[in-house]
Amino acid sequence: MTIQESYERWLREADGSLQEELKSMAHDEALREDAFYRDLAFGTGGLRGVIGAGTNRMNVHTVAKASQGLADYVNAHFPSDRRSIAVSFDSRILSDEFSRVAGGVFAANGIRVHIYPQLMPTPCLSYAVRALHCAAGVMVTASHNPSKYNGYKVYGPDGCQITTEAAAEILGCIERLDIFKDVRRGDFDEYLSKGVISLIGEDVYTAFVEEVKRQTMLGPDDRLDRNVAIVYTPLNGTGLKPVTRTLREAGFTNITVVPEQEQPDGRFPTCPYPNPEIREAMELGIRTARERNADLLLATDPDCDRVGIAVKDKAGEYVLLSGNETGMLLLDYICSRRTALGRMPKDPVLVKTIVTIDMAERIAAHYGVRTVNVLTGFKFIGETIARLEAQGREDSYIFGFEESYGYLSGTYVRDKDAVDASFLICEMFAWYRQQGVSLLDRLSRLYSEYGYCLNTLHSYTFEGSAGFEKMQDIMRRFRAGVTDLAGRRVETLLDYAPGLDGLPKSDVLKFLLSGQASVVVRPSGTEPKLKVYISVSAQDRAQAQAEEQKLSDALSVFFA
């Protein structure tokens, strides 16, 4: 169909809730084109897009079509007694409705559905898939995107986001469907009353919390002052109940929640970009921390799989730590405590993404820990855990992290877990404080031991069909033969498009530069952005920042 034909069909057949928006497009060609120029992309991260009417939008029809494709895949690959899907949703606009639509489609296709009765974080969904022996899982979330977005993440039976191969097959199932004629939709409440859809019980949620608490790095004889003053913000997302419950049950009771960001609210009125990587999202938390004279600030994103922190420096000012810095601190803490407690496995493994700070490898090597580098996306860390498990070496995994504020210390889930990370950060903070050491002191010690390393992320946004074409053109230019960046020679170009080092094919380029520097360029899998990761090693922070600026300036000409 042409864009106009597709638009006119939606006017005739789409759900009544979308009709007003569709009619408003009648005299706006650019808006119609953006809403209908393609089907919303389904990949290893599932769906993610702007909420609204059209084939390139998140709405009841695109969610139902994706759910029908997933149902067809499950029915084709799993025996009848294994055909069940776990569903969860976050605080975003229409997340609860989209989860009900998905549940109704699954039930109409003869698949048993387990759904949380209230919003729950992504790691709770991953846990439920495993605990309830489901064939798949769906988390309705757009993670840390602005409020106009929503998404639909699909998980396999191991609780990990679906593999590249599974995503391709599910996409094939979806593409064979007519969005209005081929989707079986059932009434959620009717199937709930019949027991085809069931609510996930409190016992599953409690078991998840217990698993998180078991990640402690304290021994039975260790004593800790847990009366540290903690300010926590769930950024109007799902983290409030599981994070505060876990911390309180672990003995941390001096907790203040940022009132404006306490309750779920998909509009995110005080942080339009609810991402703990962004300083603006942390401002209210920092203000509350100052008012309370807090020792530590924690912030989790809407689906509670990422966490950011801030700590006080010697002048009493709050300093935000990067995802790399928090990850290195946690890695060092876990390694040192496991060593002290005699809990280091025979072949310990750290798993990190290729864009995560290289300094982590030096820390791991100091403790005799082997590093496995994977493609960007925590699903590849989860897949590595699964491979270790298949080899009977699940215990070898001791930690995994990515620079975008995602961490996991255990194998009870297969995605990043901000409940786990929040718990370990608080424990680590209290452990060092008891010894008169701040996290900034410990970080400074790591830099002095392993050398200073600065990693930065730059994002360039390209909206719409024209933006999509421009991103492709930029990647072609980078592949055309860049030999020098800011006076640094390109010593090696790693192109992951054909597959490299046993990793799946991915549109990622990594330039290894002279003088211990590197640049990674890749399109985002979830947003209309190109992302550039710059890594520079230097004698100190000032020199590293100066060198990073030179590289950033040299790269900017590609995105003009």
Protein backbone atom coordinates (compact mmCIF):
# COMPACT_ATOMS: atom_id res chain seq x y z
CA MET A 1 0.00 0.00 0.00
CA THR A 2 1.00 3.60 -0.50
CA ILE A 3 1.14 5.87 2.53
CA GLN A 4 -2.18 7.44 1.50
CA GLU A 5 -3.87 4.06 0.98
CA SER A 6 -2.68 2.82 4.36
CA TYR A 7 -3.87 6.03 6.01
CA GLU A 8 -7.32 5.76 4.42
CA ARG A 9 -7.64 2.13 5.51
CA TRP A 10 -6.87 3.08 9.09
CA LEU A 11 -9.56 5.75 8.89
CA ARG A 12 -12.03 3.00 7.98
CA GLU A 13 -10.89 0.18 10.27
CA ALA A 14 -8.82 1.46 13.20
CA ASP A 15 -9.98 1.50 16.81
CA GLY A 16 -12.25 4.38 17.75
CA SER A 17 -9.71 5.74 20.22
CA LEU A 18 -7.41 6.56 17.27
CA GLN A 19 -9.94 8.19 14.96
CA GLU A 20 -9.59 11.76 16.21
CA GLU A 21 -5.83 11.69 15.75
CA LEU A 22 -6.16 10.09 12.31
CA LYS A 23 -8.57 12.78 11.16
CA SER A 24 -6.20 15.49 12.38
CA MET A 25 -3.61 14.19 9.87
CA ALA A 26 -5.88 14.82 6.89
CA HIS A 27 -4.18 18.07 5.89
CA ASP A 28 -0.70 17.35 7.25
CA GLU A 29 1.25 15.33 4.69
CA ALA A 30 4.47 15.26 6.74
CA LEU A 31 2.66 13.87 9.78
CA ARG A 32 0.92 11.19 7.68
CA GLU A 33 4.22 10.21 6.11
CA ASP A 34 5.98 9.84 9.45
CA ALA A 35 3.08 7.80 10.88
CA PHE A 36 2.76 5.46 7.88
CA TYR A 37 6.04 5.40 5.91
CA ARG A 38 6.99 2.07 7.50
CA ASP A 39 5.86 -0.54 10.00
CA LEU A 40 7.22 0.04 13.48
CA ALA A 41 10.50 -1.86 13.54
CA PHE A 42 10.59 -5.14 15.47
CA GLY A 43 14.07 -6.27 16.47
CA THR A 44 15.92 -7.95 19.30
CA GLY A 45 14.56 -5.23 21.59
CA GLY A 46 10.99 -5.81 20.40
CA LEU A 47 9.06 -2.64 19.56
CA ARG A 48 9.68 0.93 20.60
CA GLY A 49 8.16 4.10 19.20
CA VAL A 50 6.06 7.19 19.66
CA ILE A 51 2.55 6.57 20.97
CA GLY A 52 -0.11 7.37 18.39
CA ALA A 53 -2.05 6.29 15.30
CA GLY A 54 -0.29 4.68 12.36
CA THR A 55 1.85 1.72 11.36
CA ASN A 56 4.98 3.47 12.67
CA ARG A 57 3.45 4.18 16.08
CA MET A 58 2.79 2.36 19.34
CA ASN A 59 -0.96 1.72 19.52
CA VAL A 60 -3.41 -1.10 20.21
CA HIS A 61 -3.14 -2.41 16.65
CA THR A 62 0.67 -2.51 16.37
CA VAL A 63 0.84 -4.10 19.84
CA ALA A 64 -1.84 -6.66 18.90
CA LYS A 65 -0.08 -7.51 15.63
CA ALA A 66 3.26 -8.02 17.39
CA SER A 67 1.49 -10.16 20.00
CA GLN A 68 -0.11 -12.31 17.28
CA GLY A 69 3.31 -12.83 15.69
CA LEU A 70 4.78 -13.84 19.05
CA ALA A 71 1.81 -16.15 19.70
CA ASP A 72 2.33 -17.84 16.32
CA TYR A 73 6.02 -18.32 17.16
CA VAL A 74 5.29 -19.79 20.61
CA ASN A 75 2.63 -22.15 19.24
CA ALA A 76 5.04 -23.34 16.54
CA HIS A 77 7.99 -23.97 18.85
CA PHE A 78 6.63 -25.11 22.21
CA PRO A 79 4.49 -28.10 23.25
CA SER A 80 1.04 -27.34 24.61
CA ASP A 81 2.10 -27.73 28.25
CA ARG A 82 4.85 -25.09 27.80
CA ARG A 83 2.75 -22.48 26.03
CA SER A 84 2.61 -19.68 28.57
CA ILE A 85 3.77 -16.05 28.48
CA ALA A 86 4.51 -13.72 31.40
CA VAL A 87 3.54 -10.06 31.05
CA SER A 88 4.48 -6.94 32.99
CA PHE A 89 4.14 -3.21 32.42
CA ASP A 90 5.57 0.04 33.72
CA SER A 91 4.13 3.48 34.47
CA ARG A 92 4.14 4.81 30.92
CA ILE A 93 1.09 6.16 29.15
CA LEU A 94 -1.07 3.22 27.93
CA SER A 95 1.32 0.59 29.32
CA ASP A 96 -1.48 -1.10 31.28
CA GLU A 97 -3.80 -1.06 28.26
CA PHE A 98 -1.13 -2.44 25.94
CA SER A 99 -0.42 -5.25 28.42
CA ARG A 100 -4.12 -6.15 28.46
CA VAL A 101 -4.27 -6.11 24.66
CA ALA A 102 -1.25 -8.42 24.50
CA GLY A 103 -2.72 -10.74 27.14
CA GLY A 104 -6.01 -10.92 25.25
CA VAL A 105 -4.26 -11.85 22.00
CA PHE A 106 -2.17 -14.56 23.68
CA ALA A 107 -5.22 -16.05 25.40
CA ALA A 108 -7.22 -16.00 22.17
CA ASN A 109 -4.42 -18.08 20.63
CA GLY A 110 -4.65 -20.74 23.32
CA ILE A 111 -1.65 -19.52 25.31
CA ARG A 112 -1.78 -19.25 29.10
CA VAL A 113 -0.92 -15.77 30.40
CA HIS A 114 0.67 -14.80 33.71
CA ILE A 115 0.44 -11.07 34.36
CA TYR A 116 1.46 -8.95 37.33
CA PRO A 117 -1.59 -7.29 38.92
CA GLN A 118 0.27 -4.00 39.18
CA LEU A 119 3.18 -2.34 37.45
CA MET A 120 6.50 -4.10 38.02
CA PRO A 121 10.11 -3.54 36.90
CA THR A 122 11.75 -5.25 33.96
CA PRO A 123 13.88 -7.54 36.18
CA CYS A 124 10.69 -8.80 37.87
CA LEU A 125 9.42 -9.81 34.44
CA SER A 126 12.66 -11.62 33.65
CA TYR A 127 12.40 -13.40 37.00
CA ALA A 128 8.75 -14.40 36.45
CA VAL A 129 9.55 -15.95 33.05
CA ARG A 130 12.07 -18.25 34.71
CA ALA A 131 10.13 -18.91 37.92
CA LEU A 132 6.92 -19.81 36.08
CA HIS A 133 8.69 -21.78 33.30
CA CYS A 134 7.19 -19.64 30.56
CA ALA A 135 7.92 -19.90 26.86
CA ALA A 136 8.27 -16.14 26.59
CA GLY A 137 7.76 -12.84 28.36
CA VAL A 138 6.64 -9.35 27.41
CA MET A 139 7.54 -6.14 29.21
CA VAL A 140 5.55 -3.10 28.11
CA THR A 141 8.02 -0.24 28.54
CA ALA A 142 10.09 2.31 26.67
CA SER A 143 12.71 2.23 29.40
CA HIS A 144 14.24 5.71 29.81
CA ASN A 145 12.76 7.38 26.69
CA PRO A 146 10.68 10.58 26.90
CA SER A 147 7.01 10.29 27.78
CA LYS A 148 5.74 10.26 24.18
CA TYR A 149 7.31 6.81 23.72
CA ASN A 150 6.25 3.33 24.69
CA GLY A 151 7.62 -0.09 23.82
CA TYR A 152 7.25 -3.85 23.95
CA LYS A 153 10.28 -5.93 24.97
CA VAL A 154 10.17 -9.67 24.30
CA TYR A 155 11.94 -12.28 26.43
CA GLY A 156 12.78 -15.91 25.76
CA PRO A 157 12.25 -18.88 28.10
CA ASP A 158 15.60 -18.20 29.81
CA GLY A 159 14.40 -14.77 30.96
CA CYS A 160 16.77 -13.04 28.55
CA GLN A 161 15.68 -10.73 25.75
CA ILE A 162 15.11 -12.81 22.64
CA THR A 163 18.06 -13.85 20.49
CA THR A 164 18.76 -12.31 17.11
CA GLU A 165 17.55 -15.53 15.47
CA ALA A 166 14.30 -15.64 17.46
CA ALA A 167 13.66 -11.96 16.74
CA ALA A 168 14.09 -12.59 13.00
CA GLU A 169 11.64 -15.50 13.07
CA ILE A 170 9.08 -13.57 15.13
CA LEU A 171 9.45 -10.66 12.71
CA GLY A 172 8.70 -13.07 9.86
CA CYS A 173 5.54 -14.17 11.69
CA ILE A 174 4.52 -10.53 12.17
CA GLU A 175 5.17 -9.53 8.57
CA ARG A 176 2.87 -12.27 7.28
CA LEU A 177 -0.06 -10.76 9.16
CA ASP A 178 -2.66 -8.27 8.02
CA ILE A 179 -2.92 -5.86 10.94
CA PHE A 180 -6.74 -5.86 10.91
CA LYS A 181 -7.75 -9.25 9.45
CA ASP A 182 -5.24 -11.72 10.88
CA VAL A 183 -5.05 -10.79 14.56
CA ARG A 184 -7.07 -12.80 17.10
CA ARG A 185 -8.07 -10.49 19.90
CA GLY A 186 -9.80 -11.69 23.04
CA ASP A 187 -11.46 -9.97 25.98
CA PHE A 188 -8.92 -9.74 28.79
CA ASP A 189 -11.45 -9.80 31.64
CA GLU A 190 -13.33 -12.75 30.17
CA TYR A 191 -10.15 -14.83 29.90
CA LEU A 192 -9.15 -13.73 33.40
CA SER A 193 -12.45 -15.05 34.76
CA LYS A 194 -11.90 -18.35 32.92
CA GLY A 195 -8.41 -18.74 34.35
CA VAL A 196 -6.63 -18.65 30.97
CA ILE A 197 -5.12 -15.39 32.21
CA SER A 198 -3.93 -15.44 35.82
CA LEU A 199 -2.40 -12.85 38.10
CA ILE A 200 1.19 -13.42 39.21
CA GLY A 201 1.15 -13.98 42.95
CA GLU A 202 2.90 -12.17 45.74
CA ASP A 203 5.05 -15.27 46.27
CA VAL A 204 6.88 -14.71 42.95
CA TYR A 205 7.58 -11.07 43.78
CA THR A 206 8.79 -11.99 47.28
CA ALA A 207 11.05 -14.70 45.87
CA PHE A 208 12.60 -12.08 43.57
CA VAL A 209 13.32 -9.77 46.51
CA GLU A 210 14.90 -12.66 48.43
CA GLU A 211 17.17 -13.43 45.47
CA VAL A 212 18.30 -9.81 45.36
CA LYS A 213 19.13 -9.84 49.08
CA ARG A 214 21.18 -13.00 48.54
CA GLN A 215 23.55 -10.96 46.39
CA THR A 216 25.10 -9.47 49.55
CA MET A 217 28.88 -9.43 49.70
CA LEU A 218 28.88 -9.57 53.49
CA GLY A 219 29.83 -12.64 55.49
CA PRO A 220 27.91 -13.93 58.53
CA ASP A 221 30.32 -12.20 60.93
CA ASP A 222 30.47 -8.83 59.13
CA ARG A 223 28.80 -5.92 60.85
CA LEU A 224 27.67 -2.78 59.05
CA ASP A 225 26.23 0.59 60.06
CA ARG A 226 23.20 0.76 57.80
CA ASN A 227 21.95 4.09 59.11
CA VAL A 228 23.35 5.97 56.12
CA ALA A 229 21.03 8.71 54.89
CA ILE A 230 19.72 7.68 51.47
CA VAL A 231 17.61 9.76 49.10
CA TYR A 232 15.91 7.69 46.43
CA THR A 233 13.88 8.63 43.35
CA PRO A 234 12.07 6.15 41.11
CA LEU A 235 11.59 8.97 38.55
CA ASN A 236 7.82 8.30 38.59
CA GLY A 237 8.44 4.71 37.51
CA THR A 238 8.23 1.17 38.87
CA GLY A 239 11.09 1.15 41.35
CA LEU A 240 9.39 2.56 44.46
CA LYS A 241 8.08 -0.64 46.03
CA PRO A 242 10.81 -3.17 45.15
CA VAL A 243 13.77 -0.87 45.83
CA THR A 244 12.51 0.49 49.15
CA ARG A 245 11.28 -2.93 50.26
CA THR A 246 14.63 -4.58 49.50
CA LEU A 247 16.64 -1.85 51.22
CA ARG A 248 14.44 -1.83 54.32
CA GLU A 249 14.46 -5.60 54.66
CA ALA A 250 18.25 -5.42 54.36
CA GLY A 251 18.34 -2.97 57.28
CA PHE A 252 18.59 0.39 55.48
CA THR A 253 15.81 2.40 57.10
CA ASN A 254 17.01 6.01 56.76
CA ILE A 255 15.46 6.42 53.31
CA THR A 256 13.80 9.54 51.89
CA VAL A 257 11.90 9.30 48.60
CA VAL A 258 11.78 12.41 46.40
CA PRO A 259 8.09 13.35 46.81
CA GLU A 260 7.54 14.87 43.35
CA GLN A 261 8.88 11.71 41.67
CA GLU A 262 7.56 9.10 44.09
CA GLN A 263 4.35 7.89 42.46
CA PRO A 264 4.05 6.31 39.01
CA ASP A 265 3.26 8.92 36.34
CA GLY A 266 3.89 8.30 32.66
CA ARG A 267 3.94 12.01 31.90
CA PHE A 268 7.18 12.38 33.92
CA PRO A 269 6.23 15.98 34.76
CA THR A 270 9.47 16.86 36.59
CA CYS A 271 11.93 15.03 34.30
CA PRO A 272 10.90 15.01 30.62
CA TYR A 273 13.76 12.62 29.88
CA PRO A 274 13.53 10.13 32.79
CA ASN A 275 17.04 8.77 32.44
CA PRO A 276 19.50 8.72 35.37
CA GLU A 277 22.29 9.26 32.84
CA ILE A 278 20.96 12.80 32.31
CA ARG A 279 21.79 15.39 34.95
CA GLU A 280 18.44 17.18 34.52
CA ALA A 281 16.62 14.02 35.62
CA MET A 282 18.70 14.01 38.81
CA GLU A 283 18.22 17.66 39.78
CA LEU A 284 15.23 17.15 42.10
CA GLY A 285 17.03 14.26 43.74
CA ILE A 286 20.12 16.40 44.32
CA ARG A 287 17.97 19.20 45.76
CA THR A 288 16.27 16.76 48.15
CA ALA A 289 19.64 15.27 49.10
CA ARG A 290 20.91 18.74 50.00
CA GLU A 291 17.81 19.46 52.08
CA ARG A 292 18.20 16.17 53.96
CA ASN A 293 21.99 16.29 54.08
CA ALA A 294 21.89 12.81 52.60
CA ASP A 295 24.95 10.63 52.19
CA LEU A 296 23.85 8.95 48.98
CA LEU A 297 21.41 9.64 46.13
CA LEU A 298 19.93 6.79 44.06
CA ALA A 299 17.76 7.17 40.95
CA THR A 300 16.21 4.37 38.88
CA ASP A 301 14.65 4.75 35.44
CA PRO A 302 10.94 4.04 34.77
CA ASP A 303 11.26 0.27 34.31
CA CYS A 304 13.89 0.06 37.05
CA ASP A 305 16.65 -1.65 35.14
CA ARG A 306 19.13 1.28 35.30
CA VAL A 307 20.38 3.18 38.33
CA GLY A 308 22.40 6.37 38.71
CA ILE A 309 24.00 7.71 41.88
CA ALA A 310 25.46 10.86 43.39
CA VAL A 311 27.72 11.17 46.44
CA LYS A 312 29.11 14.10 48.41
CA ASP A 313 32.64 15.31 47.87
CA LYS A 314 34.80 16.83 50.62
CA ALA A 315 33.26 20.25 50.01
CA GLY A 316 29.78 18.84 50.57
CA GLU A 317 28.76 19.09 46.90
CA TYR A 318 26.99 16.19 45.23
CA VAL A 319 28.96 14.52 42.45
CA LEU A 320 27.22 12.34 39.87
CA LEU A 321 29.09 9.17 39.00
CA SER A 322 29.00 7.82 35.47
CA GLY A 323 27.77 4.34 34.65
CA ASN A 324 31.35 3.28 34.03
CA GLU A 325 32.54 4.65 37.37
CA THR A 326 29.76 2.98 39.35
CA GLY A 327 30.35 -0.25 37.45
CA MET A 328 34.08 -0.23 38.23
CA LEU A 329 33.40 0.44 41.90
CA LEU A 330 30.93 -2.44 42.07
CA LEU A 331 33.30 -4.75 40.20
CA ASP A 332 36.15 -3.94 42.56
CA TYR A 333 33.90 -4.30 45.63
CA ILE A 334 32.52 -7.67 44.49
CA CYS A 335 35.97 -9.01 43.60
CA SER A 336 37.60 -7.85 46.82
CA ARG A 337 34.80 -9.16 49.03
CA ARG A 338 34.55 -12.51 47.21
CA THR A 339 38.30 -12.89 47.62
CA ALA A 340 38.15 -12.04 51.32
CA LEU A 341 35.26 -14.43 51.93
CA GLY A 342 36.74 -17.25 49.85
CA ARG A 343 33.79 -17.07 47.47
CA MET A 344 35.66 -16.48 44.22
CA PRO A 345 34.84 -19.30 41.76
CA LYS A 346 37.50 -21.33 39.97
CA ASP A 347 37.15 -19.46 36.65
CA PRO A 348 35.51 -16.11 37.49
CA VAL A 349 34.05 -14.13 34.60
CA LEU A 350 33.21 -10.45 34.11
CA VAL A 351 30.95 -9.72 31.15
CA LYS A 352 30.83 -6.23 29.68
CA THR A 353 29.88 -4.60 26.40
CA ILE A 354 32.45 -3.43 23.84
CA VAL A 355 31.61 0.24 24.56
CA THR A 356 32.07 -0.14 28.32
CA ILE A 357 35.25 1.24 29.83
CA ASP A 358 38.39 -0.78 29.08
CA MET A 359 39.77 -0.03 32.55
CA ALA A 360 37.33 -2.61 33.93
CA GLU A 361 39.41 -5.32 32.27
CA ARG A 362 42.49 -4.19 34.18
CA ILE A 363 40.58 -4.31 37.49
CA ALA A 364 39.25 -7.77 36.67
CA ALA A 365 42.69 -9.07 35.69
CA HIS A 366 44.12 -7.89 39.03
CA TYR A 367 41.73 -10.29 40.79
CA GLY A 368 42.27 -13.11 38.30
CA VAL A 369 38.89 -12.53 36.66
CA ARG A 370 38.50 -13.18 32.95
CA THR A 371 36.67 -10.54 30.87
CA VAL A 372 34.22 -11.42 28.12
CA ASN A 373 33.32 -8.54 25.79
CA VAL A 374 29.95 -8.61 24.02
CA LEU A 375 27.94 -6.36 21.72
CA THR A 376 26.04 -3.37 23.09
CA GLY A 377 22.86 -4.46 24.82
CA PHE A 378 22.44 -6.32 28.08
CA LYS A 379 20.79 -9.21 26.25
CA PHE A 380 24.25 -10.30 25.13
CA ILE A 381 25.38 -10.39 28.76
CA GLY A 382 22.32 -12.53 29.52
CA GLU A 383 23.17 -14.85 26.62
CA THR A 384 26.71 -15.26 27.97
CA ILE A 385 25.27 -16.33 31.34
CA ALA A 386 23.11 -18.87 29.51
CA ARG A 387 26.16 -20.32 27.75
CA LEU A 388 28.00 -20.63 31.06
CA GLU A 389 24.93 -22.32 32.51
CA ALA A 390 24.81 -24.80 29.61
CA GLN A 391 28.47 -25.65 30.35
CA GLY A 392 27.70 -26.25 34.02
CA ARG A 393 29.65 -23.10 34.93
CA GLU A 394 26.87 -20.69 35.91
CA ASP A 395 28.71 -19.87 39.14
CA SER A 396 31.65 -18.50 37.13
CA TYR A 397 29.64 -15.37 36.36
CA ILE A 398 30.32 -12.80 39.07
CA PHE A 399 29.28 -9.50 37.47
CA GLY A 400 28.12 -7.86 34.27
CA PHE A 401 27.68 -4.22 33.40
CA GLU A 402 27.36 -1.71 30.61
CA GLU A 403 28.25 1.96 30.53
CA SER A 404 24.58 2.94 30.25
CA TYR A 405 24.00 2.36 33.98
CA GLY A 406 23.00 -1.31 33.80
CA TYR A 407 24.38 -3.87 36.30
CA LEU A 408 23.73 -7.45 37.40
CA SER A 409 25.60 -9.46 40.03
CA GLY A 410 23.63 -12.72 39.97
CA THR A 411 22.05 -15.16 37.54
CA TYR A 412 18.50 -15.24 38.95
CA VAL A 413 17.46 -12.84 36.14
CA ARG A 414 18.99 -12.34 32.70
CA ASP A 415 18.66 -8.60 32.28
CA LYS A 416 20.09 -5.62 34.09
CA ASP A 417 18.54 -5.11 37.51
CA ALA A 418 18.43 -1.75 39.26
CA VAL A 419 16.92 -3.33 42.39
CA ASP A 420 20.00 -5.52 42.75
CA ALA A 421 22.33 -2.64 41.85
CA SER A 422 20.67 -0.23 44.30
CA PHE A 423 21.01 -2.78 47.09
CA LEU A 424 24.70 -3.46 46.35
CA ILE A 425 25.52 0.22 45.95
CA CYS A 426 24.06 0.99 49.39
CA GLU A 427 25.93 -1.94 50.93
CA MET A 428 29.19 -0.94 49.23
CA PHE A 429 28.75 2.69 50.33
CA ALA A 430 28.19 1.66 53.96
CA TRP A 431 31.08 -0.83 53.87
CA TYR A 432 33.60 1.77 52.76
CA ARG A 433 32.17 4.46 55.02
CA GLN A 434 32.69 2.19 58.02
CA GLN A 435 36.38 2.22 57.08
CA GLY A 436 36.46 6.00 56.69
CA VAL A 437 36.59 5.79 52.90
CA SER A 438 34.16 7.50 50.52
CA LEU A 439 33.23 6.15 47.11
CA LEU A 440 35.10 9.09 45.58
CA ASP A 441 38.17 8.13 47.61
CA ARG A 442 37.91 4.55 46.39
CA LEU A 443 37.43 5.67 42.78
CA SER A 444 40.48 7.91 43.02
CA ARG A 445 42.45 4.94 44.33
CA LEU A 446 41.36 2.84 41.36
CA TYR A 447 42.48 5.53 38.93
CA SER A 448 45.86 5.80 40.65
CA GLU A 449 46.31 2.02 40.52
CA TYR A 450 45.10 1.33 36.98
CA GLY A 451 45.57 4.66 35.15
CA TYR A 452 42.98 7.33 34.34
CA CYS A 453 40.48 6.48 31.62
CA LEU A 454 37.68 8.73 30.33
CA ASN A 455 34.70 7.35 28.41
CA THR A 456 32.04 9.65 26.97
CA LEU A 457 28.86 9.21 24.97
CA HIS A 458 27.60 11.60 22.31
CA SER A 459 24.15 11.12 20.71
CA TYR A 460 22.94 12.65 17.45
CA THR A 461 19.20 12.57 16.70
CA PHE A 462 17.73 12.08 13.22
CA GLU A 463 13.92 12.03 13.16
CA GLY A 464 11.65 10.64 10.45
CA SER A 465 12.33 8.91 7.13
CA ALA A 466 14.85 11.56 6.03
CA GLY A 467 16.72 11.12 9.31
CA PHE A 468 16.80 7.35 8.83
CA GLU A 469 18.42 7.78 5.40
CA LYS A 470 20.93 10.26 6.79
CA MET A 471 22.00 7.85 9.53
CA GLN A 472 22.65 5.17 6.93
CA ASP A 473 24.67 7.62 4.84
CA ILE A 474 26.80 8.61 7.85
CA MET A 475 27.61 4.97 8.60
CA ARG A 476 28.62 4.50 4.94
CA ARG A 477 30.98 7.50 5.21
CA PHE A 478 32.61 6.07 8.32
CA ARG A 479 33.13 2.76 6.51
CA ALA A 480 34.55 4.48 3.42
CA GLY A 481 38.04 4.66 4.88
CA VAL A 482 38.74 6.92 7.88
CA THR A 483 42.50 6.83 8.48
CA ASP A 484 42.95 9.62 11.02
CA LEU A 485 40.89 11.24 13.80
CA ALA A 486 42.13 14.41 15.54
CA GLY A 487 45.72 13.55 14.69
CA ARG A 488 45.44 10.01 15.99
CA ARG A 489 46.11 7.23 13.51
CA VAL A 490 43.42 4.58 13.03
CA GLU A 491 45.42 1.47 13.87
CA THR A 492 42.53 -0.98 13.52
CA LEU A 493 38.93 -0.77 12.33
CA LEU A 494 36.62 -3.40 13.79
CA ASP A 495 33.48 -3.71 11.68
CA TYR A 496 30.89 -5.92 13.38
CA ALA A 497 28.45 -5.86 10.43
CA PRO A 498 29.58 -9.23 9.01
CA GLY A 499 30.03 -10.71 12.49
CA LEU A 500 33.28 -10.57 14.44
CA ASP A 501 34.94 -12.63 17.20
CA GLY A 502 31.99 -15.00 17.28
CA LEU A 503 29.52 -12.17 17.95
CA PRO A 504 26.30 -11.71 15.94
CA LYS A 505 26.20 -9.35 12.98
CA SER A 506 25.67 -5.78 14.14
CA ASP A 507 25.90 -2.34 12.55
CA VAL A 508 28.75 -1.23 14.81
CA LEU A 509 32.18 0.24 14.03
CA LYS A 510 35.04 0.47 16.51
CA PHE A 511 38.13 2.51 15.65
CA LEU A 512 41.22 1.65 17.69
CA LEU A 513 43.40 4.76 17.66
CA SER A 514 47.02 5.43 18.47
CA GLY A 515 47.77 6.55 22.04
CA GLN A 516 45.29 4.21 23.82
CA ALA A 517 42.10 5.74 22.50
CA SER A 518 39.08 4.34 20.70
CA VAL A 519 35.83 5.45 19.06
CA VAL A 520 32.69 3.36 18.62
CA VAL A 521 29.89 4.44 16.26
CA ARG A 522 26.52 2.68 16.10
CA PRO A 523 22.85 3.43 15.42
CA SER A 524 20.64 3.11 18.48
CA GLY A 525 18.43 0.04 18.45
CA THR A 526 15.57 1.85 20.17
CA GLU A 527 15.71 5.55 19.19
CA PRO A 528 16.33 7.57 16.00
CA LYS A 529 19.91 8.30 17.06
CA LEU A 530 23.49 7.63 16.17
CA LYS A 531 25.64 7.06 19.23
CA VAL A 532 29.37 7.75 19.48
CA TYR A 533 31.47 6.40 22.35
CA ILE A 534 34.90 7.95 22.90
CA SER A 535 37.53 6.39 25.16
CA VAL A 536 40.76 8.19 26.08
CA SER A 537 43.52 7.18 28.49
CA ALA A 538 45.74 9.92 29.96
CA GLN A 539 47.80 10.91 32.99
CA ASP A 540 44.90 12.74 34.63
CA ARG A 541 41.33 13.88 34.08
CA ALA A 542 42.23 17.32 32.70
CA GLN A 543 44.44 15.88 30.00
CA ALA A 544 41.89 13.19 29.15
CA GLN A 545 39.13 15.80 28.81
CA ALA A 546 41.28 17.91 26.50
CA GLU A 547 42.06 14.92 24.28
CA GLU A 548 38.42 13.82 24.31
CA GLN A 549 37.35 17.29 23.15
CA LYS A 550 39.71 17.10 20.17
CA LEU A 551 38.21 13.79 19.12
CA SER A 552 34.66 15.02 19.66
CA ASP A 553 35.32 18.08 17.48
CA ALA A 554 36.85 15.95 14.74
CA LEU A 555 33.88 13.58 14.75
CA SER A 556 31.23 16.29 14.70
CA VAL A 557 31.84 17.05 11.01
CA PHE A 558 30.37 13.65 10.12
CA PHE A 559 27.04 14.58 11.72
CA ALA A 560 26.61 18.12 10.39
